Amino acid sequence: MTLIADSLRLRQETLAMAFVYTHKYRHHARSDKTMAELLDEYTLSLASLSLATKATESPRRLRELLLPAYALLNPSDPPLTFPSALYDALRGTVVTAELLLLRVLRFDIRLPLAYDYLPRMLEKVLTLDGTAHIDYLPDDEREEIRVVDVKDTRIGAAVWCLVSEAVRSYRLVILFPARTVAAACIFVAMQEAGLRIAMEGKTWVRKLTGDRVEFEDFEEAVEEVRTLREVREAR
């Protein structure tokens, strides 16, 4: 799924949404064994990615997903052609899978992502005494003095990478709200960069999240993110 998303130059948010859909489906399938048997991993991934392109306003034609997916899964076979009976059959399978996925999601496809909360949270983290005016400069002046977006700062880039890993985690997506995951990723990224928080933890979380994240949930999410990092580094 990641390779196809990258080959189609999809945004990180689109791929993240697709991962969230797959986690939501698997979570539902745990309590409904029939659902688990209806979609294999490949069909679920394609349906999730296709639906995510629509939810994030990054539309791609279904054949743009099917042709590379078929080539990856069947490297020794001739390329899938369009139009063809095989293409029509595969297209019908993915469309049916999308409808099934929509039912599981209760047709709510615009789910919150941790990415949604990062810009505002990072602005709070990166605003120090004497620097608050930076975010309010006119666009032409920002361009003239080369002001980068928070996403392109050292901490911002590290946080974005952490979130891209976090959305692949079933536990982080299912057990924690997106806002909590965003806060946890920022905290871990700051620690990894050797930065310290100059206030008590609960106060920091309250200010960062607008008092919308329970501190206990935040601590658990931080541990999940750390575990995720440790597992990846051990590979």
C-alpha atoms as a PDB file:
ATOM      1  CA  MET A   1       0.000   0.000   0.000  1.00  0.00           C
ATOM      2  CA  THR A   2       2.813   2.392   0.863  1.00  0.00           C
ATOM      3  CA  LEU A   3       4.658   1.775  -2.399  1.00  0.00           C
ATOM      4  CA  ILE A   4       1.533   2.327  -4.478  1.00  0.00           C
ATOM      5  CA  ALA A   5       0.711   5.501  -2.538  1.00  0.00           C
ATOM      6  CA  ASP A   6       4.215   6.828  -3.118  1.00  0.00           C
ATOM      7  CA  SER A   7       4.171   5.906  -6.805  1.00  0.00           C
ATOM      8  CA  LEU A   8       0.938   7.888  -7.164  1.00  0.00           C
ATOM      9  CA  ARG A   9       2.525  10.787  -5.221  1.00  0.00           C
ATOM     10  CA  LEU A  10      -0.188  10.732  -2.594  1.00  0.00           C
ATOM     11  CA  ARG A  11       0.139  12.888   0.500  1.00  0.00           C
ATOM     12  CA  GLN A  12       1.110  11.382   3.838  1.00  0.00           C
ATOM     13  CA  GLU A  13      -2.352  12.221   5.134  1.00  0.00           C
ATOM     14  CA  THR A  14      -3.963  10.073   2.448  1.00  0.00           C
ATOM     15  CA  LEU A  15      -1.830   7.048   3.250  1.00  0.00           C
ATOM     16  CA  ALA A  16      -2.426   7.604   6.965  1.00  0.00           C
ATOM     17  CA  MET A  17      -6.177   7.641   6.420  1.00  0.00           C
ATOM     18  CA  ALA A  18      -5.912   4.358   4.513  1.00  0.00           C
ATOM     19  CA  PHE A  19      -4.074   2.772   7.447  1.00  0.00           C
ATOM     20  CA  VAL A  20      -6.750   4.034   9.833  1.00  0.00           C
ATOM     21  CA  TYR A  21      -9.431   2.412   7.665  1.00  0.00           C
ATOM     22  CA  THR A  22      -7.624  -0.935   7.661  1.00  0.00           C
ATOM     23  CA  HIS A  23      -7.232  -0.825  11.448  1.00  0.00           C
ATOM     24  CA  LYS A  24     -10.910   0.049  11.891  1.00  0.00           C
ATOM     25  CA  TYR A  25     -11.929  -2.861   9.667  1.00  0.00           C
ATOM     26  CA  ARG A  26      -9.676  -5.330  11.484  1.00  0.00           C
ATOM     27  CA  HIS A  27     -11.007  -4.116  14.819  1.00  0.00           C
ATOM     28  CA  HIS A  28     -14.560  -4.713  13.622  1.00  0.00           C
ATOM     29  CA  ALA A  29     -13.601  -8.098  12.196  1.00  0.00           C
ATOM     30  CA  ARG A  30     -12.316  -9.255  15.583  1.00  0.00           C
ATOM     31  CA  SER A  31     -15.878  -9.308  16.855  1.00  0.00           C
ATOM     32  CA  ASP A  32     -17.394 -10.509  13.583  1.00  0.00           C
ATOM     33  CA  LYS A  33     -15.547 -13.489  12.111  1.00  0.00           C
ATOM     34  CA  THR A  34     -17.645 -13.312   8.957  1.00  0.00           C
ATOM     35  CA  MET A  35     -16.173  -9.896   8.189  1.00  0.00           C
ATOM     36  CA  ALA A  36     -12.662 -11.251   8.601  1.00  0.00           C
ATOM     37  CA  GLU A  37     -13.326 -13.812   5.873  1.00  0.00           C
ATOM     38  CA  LEU A  38     -14.854 -11.368   3.385  1.00  0.00           C
ATOM     39  CA  LEU A  39     -11.755  -9.326   2.574  1.00  0.00           C
ATOM     40  CA  ASP A  40      -8.187 -10.520   2.168  1.00  0.00           C
ATOM     41  CA  GLU A  41      -5.317  -8.197   3.085  1.00  0.00           C
ATOM     42  CA  TYR A  42      -4.668  -7.061  -0.481  1.00  0.00           C
ATOM     43  CA  THR A  43      -8.290  -6.224  -1.266  1.00  0.00           C
ATOM     44  CA  LEU A  44      -8.677  -4.429   2.065  1.00  0.00           C
ATOM     45  CA  SER A  45      -5.549  -2.372   1.404  1.00  0.00           C
ATOM     46  CA  LEU A  46      -6.659  -1.363  -2.093  1.00  0.00           C
ATOM     47  CA  ALA A  47     -10.184  -0.504  -0.966  1.00  0.00           C
ATOM     48  CA  SER A  48      -8.825   1.509   1.960  1.00  0.00           C
ATOM     49  CA  LEU A  49      -6.399   3.441  -0.217  1.00  0.00           C
ATOM     50  CA  SER A  50      -9.041   4.121  -2.853  1.00  0.00           C
ATOM     51  CA  LEU A  51     -11.500   5.380  -0.245  1.00  0.00           C
ATOM     52  CA  ALA A  52      -8.791   7.461   1.428  1.00  0.00           C
ATOM     53  CA  THR A  53      -8.031   9.307  -1.815  1.00  0.00           C
ATOM     54  CA  LYS A  54     -11.644  10.456  -1.868  1.00  0.00           C
ATOM     55  CA  ALA A  55     -11.797  11.348   1.816  1.00  0.00           C
ATOM     56  CA  THR A  56      -8.647  13.484   1.596  1.00  0.00           C
ATOM     57  CA  GLU A  57      -9.614  15.100  -1.706  1.00  0.00           C
ATOM     58  CA  SER A  58      -6.733  13.462  -3.553  1.00  0.00           C
ATOM     59  CA  PRO A  59      -8.769  11.501  -6.128  1.00  0.00           C
ATOM     60  CA  ARG A  60      -7.102   8.853  -8.252  1.00  0.00           C
ATOM     61  CA  ARG A  61      -8.775   6.635 -10.825  1.00  0.00           C
ATOM     62  CA  LEU A  62      -9.275   3.090  -9.660  1.00  0.00           C
ATOM     63  CA  ARG A  63      -7.210   1.755 -12.541  1.00  0.00           C
ATOM     64  CA  GLU A  64      -4.287   3.837 -11.260  1.00  0.00           C
ATOM     65  CA  LEU A  65      -4.408   1.642  -8.163  1.00  0.00           C
ATOM     66  CA  LEU A  66      -5.298  -1.656  -9.805  1.00  0.00           C
ATOM     67  CA  LEU A  67      -2.661  -1.737 -12.532  1.00  0.00           C
ATOM     68  CA  PRO A  68       0.395  -1.298 -10.269  1.00  0.00           C
ATOM     69  CA  ALA A  69      -1.132  -3.506  -7.556  1.00  0.00           C
ATOM     70  CA  TYR A  70      -1.655  -6.340 -10.040  1.00  0.00           C
ATOM     71  CA  ALA A  71       1.901  -5.977 -11.319  1.00  0.00           C
ATOM     72  CA  LEU A  72       3.312  -6.139  -7.785  1.00  0.00           C
ATOM     73  CA  LEU A  73       1.270  -9.220  -6.858  1.00  0.00           C
ATOM     74  CA  ASN A  74       1.800 -11.017 -10.170  1.00  0.00           C
ATOM     75  CA  PRO A  75       5.306 -10.081 -11.337  1.00  0.00           C
ATOM     76  CA  SER A  76       5.624 -13.055 -13.703  1.00  0.00           C
ATOM     77  CA  ASP A  77       2.258 -12.487 -15.419  1.00  0.00           C
ATOM     78  CA  PRO A  78       1.545 -10.141 -18.331  1.00  0.00           C
ATOM     79  CA  PRO A  79       0.512  -6.636 -17.222  1.00  0.00           C
ATOM     80  CA  LEU A  80      -3.131  -6.033 -16.448  1.00  0.00           C
ATOM     81  CA  THR A  81      -4.763  -4.303 -19.398  1.00  0.00           C
ATOM     82  CA  PHE A  82      -7.576  -1.802 -19.497  1.00  0.00           C
ATOM     83  CA  PRO A  83     -10.236  -2.471 -20.619  1.00  0.00           C
ATOM     84  CA  SER A  84     -10.426  -6.238 -20.158  1.00  0.00           C
ATOM     85  CA  ALA A  85     -12.635  -8.848 -18.506  1.00  0.00           C
ATOM     86  CA  LEU A  86     -10.024  -9.409 -15.797  1.00  0.00           C
ATOM     87  CA  TYR A  87      -9.803  -5.697 -15.088  1.00  0.00           C
ATOM     88  CA  ASP A  88     -13.590  -5.434 -14.834  1.00  0.00           C
ATOM     89  CA  ALA A  89     -13.696  -8.351 -12.391  1.00  0.00           C
ATOM     90  CA  LEU A  90     -10.966  -6.889 -10.189  1.00  0.00           C
ATOM     91  CA  ARG A  91     -12.556  -3.462 -10.307  1.00  0.00           C
ATOM     92  CA  GLY A  92     -15.883  -4.944  -9.211  1.00  0.00           C
ATOM     93  CA  THR A  93     -14.174  -6.687  -6.296  1.00  0.00           C
ATOM     94  CA  VAL A  94     -12.567  -3.473  -5.048  1.00  0.00           C
ATOM     95  CA  VAL A  95     -15.782  -1.467  -5.437  1.00  0.00           C
ATOM     96  CA  THR A  96     -17.672  -4.079  -3.414  1.00  0.00           C
ATOM     97  CA  ALA A  97     -14.926  -3.976  -0.785  1.00  0.00           C
ATOM     98  CA  GLU A  98     -15.237  -0.192  -0.590  1.00  0.00           C
ATOM     99  CA  LEU A  99     -18.964  -0.497   0.067  1.00  0.00           C
ATOM    100  CA  LEU A 100     -18.300  -3.028   2.810  1.00  0.00           C
ATOM    101  CA  LEU A 101     -15.666  -0.758   4.314  1.00  0.00           C
ATOM    102  CA  LEU A 102     -18.088   2.156   4.233  1.00  0.00           C
ATOM    103  CA  ARG A 103     -20.595   0.124   6.235  1.00  0.00           C
ATOM    104  CA  VAL A 104     -17.964  -0.680   8.858  1.00  0.00           C
ATOM    105  CA  LEU A 105     -17.042   3.014   9.038  1.00  0.00           C
ATOM    106  CA  ARG A 106     -20.746   3.926   9.143  1.00  0.00           C
ATOM    107  CA  PHE A 107     -20.089   6.113   6.107  1.00  0.00           C
ATOM    108  CA  ASP A 108     -17.949   8.433   8.225  1.00  0.00           C
ATOM    109  CA  ILE A 109     -14.813   8.615   6.090  1.00  0.00           C
ATOM    110  CA  ARG A 110     -13.435  11.967   7.275  1.00  0.00           C
ATOM    111  CA  LEU A 111     -11.865  10.616  10.426  1.00  0.00           C
ATOM    112  CA  PRO A 112      -9.507  12.785  12.501  1.00  0.00           C
ATOM    113  CA  LEU A 113      -5.800  12.162  12.002  1.00  0.00           C
ATOM    114  CA  ALA A 114      -2.908  13.043  14.285  1.00  0.00           C
ATOM    115  CA  TYR A 115      -1.608  15.202  11.425  1.00  0.00           C
ATOM    116  CA  ASP A 116      -4.624  17.487  11.860  1.00  0.00           C
ATOM    117  CA  TYR A 117      -3.407  18.627  15.275  1.00  0.00           C
ATOM    118  CA  LEU A 118       0.301  18.972  14.576  1.00  0.00           C
ATOM    119  CA  PRO A 119       0.496  22.500  13.096  1.00  0.00           C
ATOM    120  CA  ARG A 120      -1.187  24.222  16.044  1.00  0.00           C
ATOM    121  CA  MET A 121       0.573  22.076  18.644  1.00  0.00           C
ATOM    122  CA  LEU A 122       3.965  22.650  17.048  1.00  0.00           C
ATOM    123  CA  GLU A 123       3.347  26.394  16.945  1.00  0.00           C
ATOM    124  CA  LYS A 124       2.844  26.280  20.718  1.00  0.00           C
ATOM    125  CA  VAL A 125       5.977  24.203  21.254  1.00  0.00           C
ATOM    126  CA  LEU A 126       8.180  26.304  18.969  1.00  0.00           C
ATOM    127  CA  THR A 127       7.007  29.726  20.140  1.00  0.00           C
ATOM    128  CA  LEU A 128       9.524  31.157  22.611  1.00  0.00           C
ATOM    129  CA  ASP A 129       9.827  34.617  24.134  1.00  0.00           C
ATOM    130  CA  GLY A 130      10.434  37.106  21.353  1.00  0.00           C
ATOM    131  CA  THR A 131       9.475  34.761  18.497  1.00  0.00           C
ATOM    132  CA  ALA A 132       5.662  34.848  18.581  1.00  0.00           C
ATOM    133  CA  HIS A 133       5.550  37.447  15.789  1.00  0.00           C
ATOM    134  CA  ILE A 134       7.085  35.005  13.288  1.00  0.00           C
ATOM    135  CA  ASP A 135       3.809  33.178  12.710  1.00  0.00           C
ATOM    136  CA  TYR A 136       1.958  36.419  11.989  1.00  0.00           C
ATOM    137  CA  LEU A 137       4.271  37.945   9.403  1.00  0.00           C
ATOM    138  CA  PRO A 138       2.744  38.757   5.986  1.00  0.00           C
ATOM    139  CA  ASP A 139       3.324  36.072   3.369  1.00  0.00           C
ATOM    140  CA  ASP A 140       5.628  38.259   1.282  1.00  0.00           C
ATOM    141  CA  GLU A 141       7.822  39.051   4.281  1.00  0.00           C
ATOM    142  CA  ARG A 142       7.899  35.399   5.354  1.00  0.00           C
ATOM    143  CA  GLU A 143       9.090  34.482   1.887  1.00  0.00           C
ATOM    144  CA  GLU A 144      11.662  37.280   1.827  1.00  0.00           C
ATOM    145  CA  ILE A 145      13.350  36.240   5.071  1.00  0.00           C
ATOM    146  CA  ARG A 146      12.917  32.510   4.374  1.00  0.00           C
ATOM    147  CA  VAL A 147      10.565  31.564   7.207  1.00  0.00           C
ATOM    148  CA  VAL A 148       9.885  27.829   6.987  1.00  0.00           C
ATOM    149  CA  ASP A 149       6.643  26.119   7.899  1.00  0.00           C
ATOM    150  CA  VAL A 150       6.560  24.349  11.272  1.00  0.00           C
ATOM    151  CA  LYS A 151       6.463  21.074   9.346  1.00  0.00           C
ATOM    152  CA  ASP A 152       9.886  21.833   7.880  1.00  0.00           C
ATOM    153  CA  THR A 153      11.635  22.622  11.159  1.00  0.00           C
ATOM    154  CA  ARG A 154      13.879  20.001  12.716  1.00  0.00           C
ATOM    155  CA  ILE A 155      11.320  19.082  15.366  1.00  0.00           C
ATOM    156  CA  GLY A 156       8.439  19.326  12.907  1.00  0.00           C
ATOM    157  CA  ALA A 157      10.056  16.928  10.446  1.00  0.00           C
ATOM    158  CA  ALA A 158      10.820  14.466  13.249  1.00  0.00           C
ATOM    159  CA  VAL A 159       7.240  14.614  14.531  1.00  0.00           C
ATOM    160  CA  TRP A 160       5.789  14.076  11.060  1.00  0.00           C
ATOM    161  CA  CYS A 161       7.954  10.968  10.670  1.00  0.00           C
ATOM    162  CA  LEU A 162       6.822   9.668  14.055  1.00  0.00           C
ATOM    163  CA  VAL A 163       3.166  10.144  13.183  1.00  0.00           C
ATOM    164  CA  SER A 164       3.679   8.346   9.870  1.00  0.00           C
ATOM    165  CA  GLU A 165       4.911   5.370  11.917  1.00  0.00           C
ATOM    166  CA  ALA A 166       2.196   5.700  14.554  1.00  0.00           C
ATOM    167  CA  VAL A 167      -0.684   5.413  12.068  1.00  0.00           C
ATOM    168  CA  ARG A 168       0.624   1.984  11.085  1.00  0.00           C
ATOM    169  CA  SER A 169       0.151   0.790  14.658  1.00  0.00           C
ATOM    170  CA  TYR A 170      -3.158  -0.938  15.322  1.00  0.00           C
ATOM    171  CA  ARG A 171      -2.940  -0.187  19.035  1.00  0.00           C
ATOM    172  CA  LEU A 172      -2.227   3.526  18.660  1.00  0.00           C
ATOM    173  CA  VAL A 173      -5.043   4.018  16.149  1.00  0.00           C
ATOM    174  CA  ILE A 174      -7.663   1.955  17.975  1.00  0.00           C
ATOM    175  CA  LEU A 175      -6.847   2.707  21.612  1.00  0.00           C
ATOM    176  CA  PHE A 176      -6.124   6.439  21.473  1.00  0.00           C
ATOM    177  CA  PRO A 177      -7.753   9.537  19.957  1.00  0.00           C
ATOM    178  CA  ALA A 178      -5.750  11.208  17.191  1.00  0.00           C
ATOM    179  CA  ARG A 179      -5.128  14.283  19.360  1.00  0.00           C
ATOM    180  CA  THR A 180      -3.500  12.128  22.046  1.00  0.00           C
ATOM    181  CA  VAL A 181      -1.266  10.415  19.489  1.00  0.00           C
ATOM    182  CA  ALA A 182      -0.181  13.800  18.118  1.00  0.00           C
ATOM    183  CA  ALA A 183       0.796  15.044  21.585  1.00  0.00           C
ATOM    184  CA  ALA A 184       2.662  11.817  22.361  1.00  0.00           C
ATOM    185  CA  CYS A 185       4.635  11.994  19.105  1.00  0.00           C
ATOM    186  CA  ILE A 186       5.651  15.596  19.800  1.00  0.00           C
ATOM    187  CA  PHE A 187       6.821  14.664  23.292  1.00  0.00           C
ATOM    188  CA  VAL A 188       8.874  11.690  22.074  1.00  0.00           C
ATOM    189  CA  ALA A 189      10.385  13.717  19.219  1.00  0.00           C
ATOM    190  CA  MET A 190      11.454  16.425  21.658  1.00  0.00           C
ATOM    191  CA  GLN A 191      13.037  13.864  23.959  1.00  0.00           C
ATOM    192  CA  GLU A 192      14.902  12.240  21.082  1.00  0.00           C
ATOM    193  CA  ALA A 193      16.197  15.678  20.081  1.00  0.00           C
ATOM    194  CA  GLY A 194      17.549  16.180  23.605  1.00  0.00           C
ATOM    195  CA  LEU A 195      15.039  18.905  24.491  1.00  0.00           C
ATOM    196  CA  ARG A 196      13.556  19.225  27.954  1.00  0.00           C
ATOM    197  CA  ILE A 197      10.165  20.538  28.991  1.00  0.00           C
ATOM    198  CA  ALA A 198      10.521  23.468  31.368  1.00  0.00           C
ATOM    199  CA  MET A 199       7.329  22.739  33.299  1.00  0.00           C
ATOM    200  CA  GLU A 200       5.472  19.954  35.065  1.00  0.00           C
ATOM    201  CA  GLY A 201       4.231  17.233  32.703  1.00  0.00           C
ATOM    202  CA  LYS A 202       0.511  17.610  33.366  1.00  0.00           C
ATOM    203  CA  THR A 203       0.706  21.367  32.880  1.00  0.00           C
ATOM    204  CA  TRP A 204       2.580  20.943  29.595  1.00  0.00           C
ATOM    205  CA  VAL A 205       0.029  18.472  28.237  1.00  0.00           C
ATOM    206  CA  ARG A 206      -2.854  20.694  29.304  1.00  0.00           C
ATOM    207  CA  LYS A 207      -1.372  23.734  27.546  1.00  0.00           C
ATOM    208  CA  LEU A 208      -0.381  21.766  24.459  1.00  0.00           C
ATOM    209  CA  THR A 209      -3.770  20.131  23.956  1.00  0.00           C
ATOM    210  CA  GLY A 210      -6.093  22.782  25.345  1.00  0.00           C
ATOM    211  CA  ASP A 211      -6.957  20.483  28.249  1.00  0.00           C
ATOM    212  CA  ARG A 212      -8.518  17.983  25.831  1.00  0.00           C
ATOM    213  CA  VAL A 213      -6.237  15.023  26.547  1.00  0.00           C
ATOM    214  CA  GLU A 214      -6.222  12.979  29.739  1.00  0.00           C
ATOM    215  CA  PHE A 215      -2.709  12.849  31.163  1.00  0.00           C
ATOM    216  CA  GLU A 216      -2.957   9.120  31.866  1.00  0.00           C
ATOM    217  CA  ASP A 217      -3.903   8.459  28.232  1.00  0.00           C
ATOM    218  CA  PHE A 218      -1.026  10.673  27.122  1.00  0.00           C
ATOM    219  CA  GLU A 219       1.466   8.693  29.211  1.00  0.00           C
ATOM    220  CA  GLU A 220       0.211   5.386  27.810  1.00  0.00           C
ATOM    221  CA  ALA A 221       0.396   6.713  24.253  1.00  0.00           C
ATOM    222  CA  VAL A 222       3.971   7.890  24.841  1.00  0.00           C
ATOM    223  CA  GLU A 223       4.931   4.380  25.931  1.00  0.00           C
ATOM    224  CA  GLU A 224       3.299   2.924  22.816  1.00  0.00           C
ATOM    225  CA  VAL A 225       5.230   5.334  20.580  1.00  0.00           C
ATOM    226  CA  ARG A 226       8.488   4.514  22.364  1.00  0.00           C
ATOM    227  CA  THR A 227       7.839   0.800  21.963  1.00  0.00           C
ATOM    228  CA  LEU A 228       7.149   1.353  18.284  1.00  0.00           C
ATOM    229  CA  ARG A 229      10.488   3.110  17.902  1.00  0.00           C
ATOM    230  CA  GLU A 230      12.361   0.415  19.800  1.00  0.00           C
ATOM    231  CA  VAL A 231      10.883  -2.327  17.638  1.00  0.00           C
ATOM    232  CA  ARG A 232      11.815  -0.493  14.462  1.00  0.00           C
ATOM    233  CA  GLU A 233      15.368   0.211  15.613  1.00  0.00           C
ATOM    234  CA  ALA A 234      15.803  -3.444  16.585  1.00  0.00           C
ATOM    235  CA  ARG A 235      15.043  -4.622  13.049  1.00  0.00           C
END
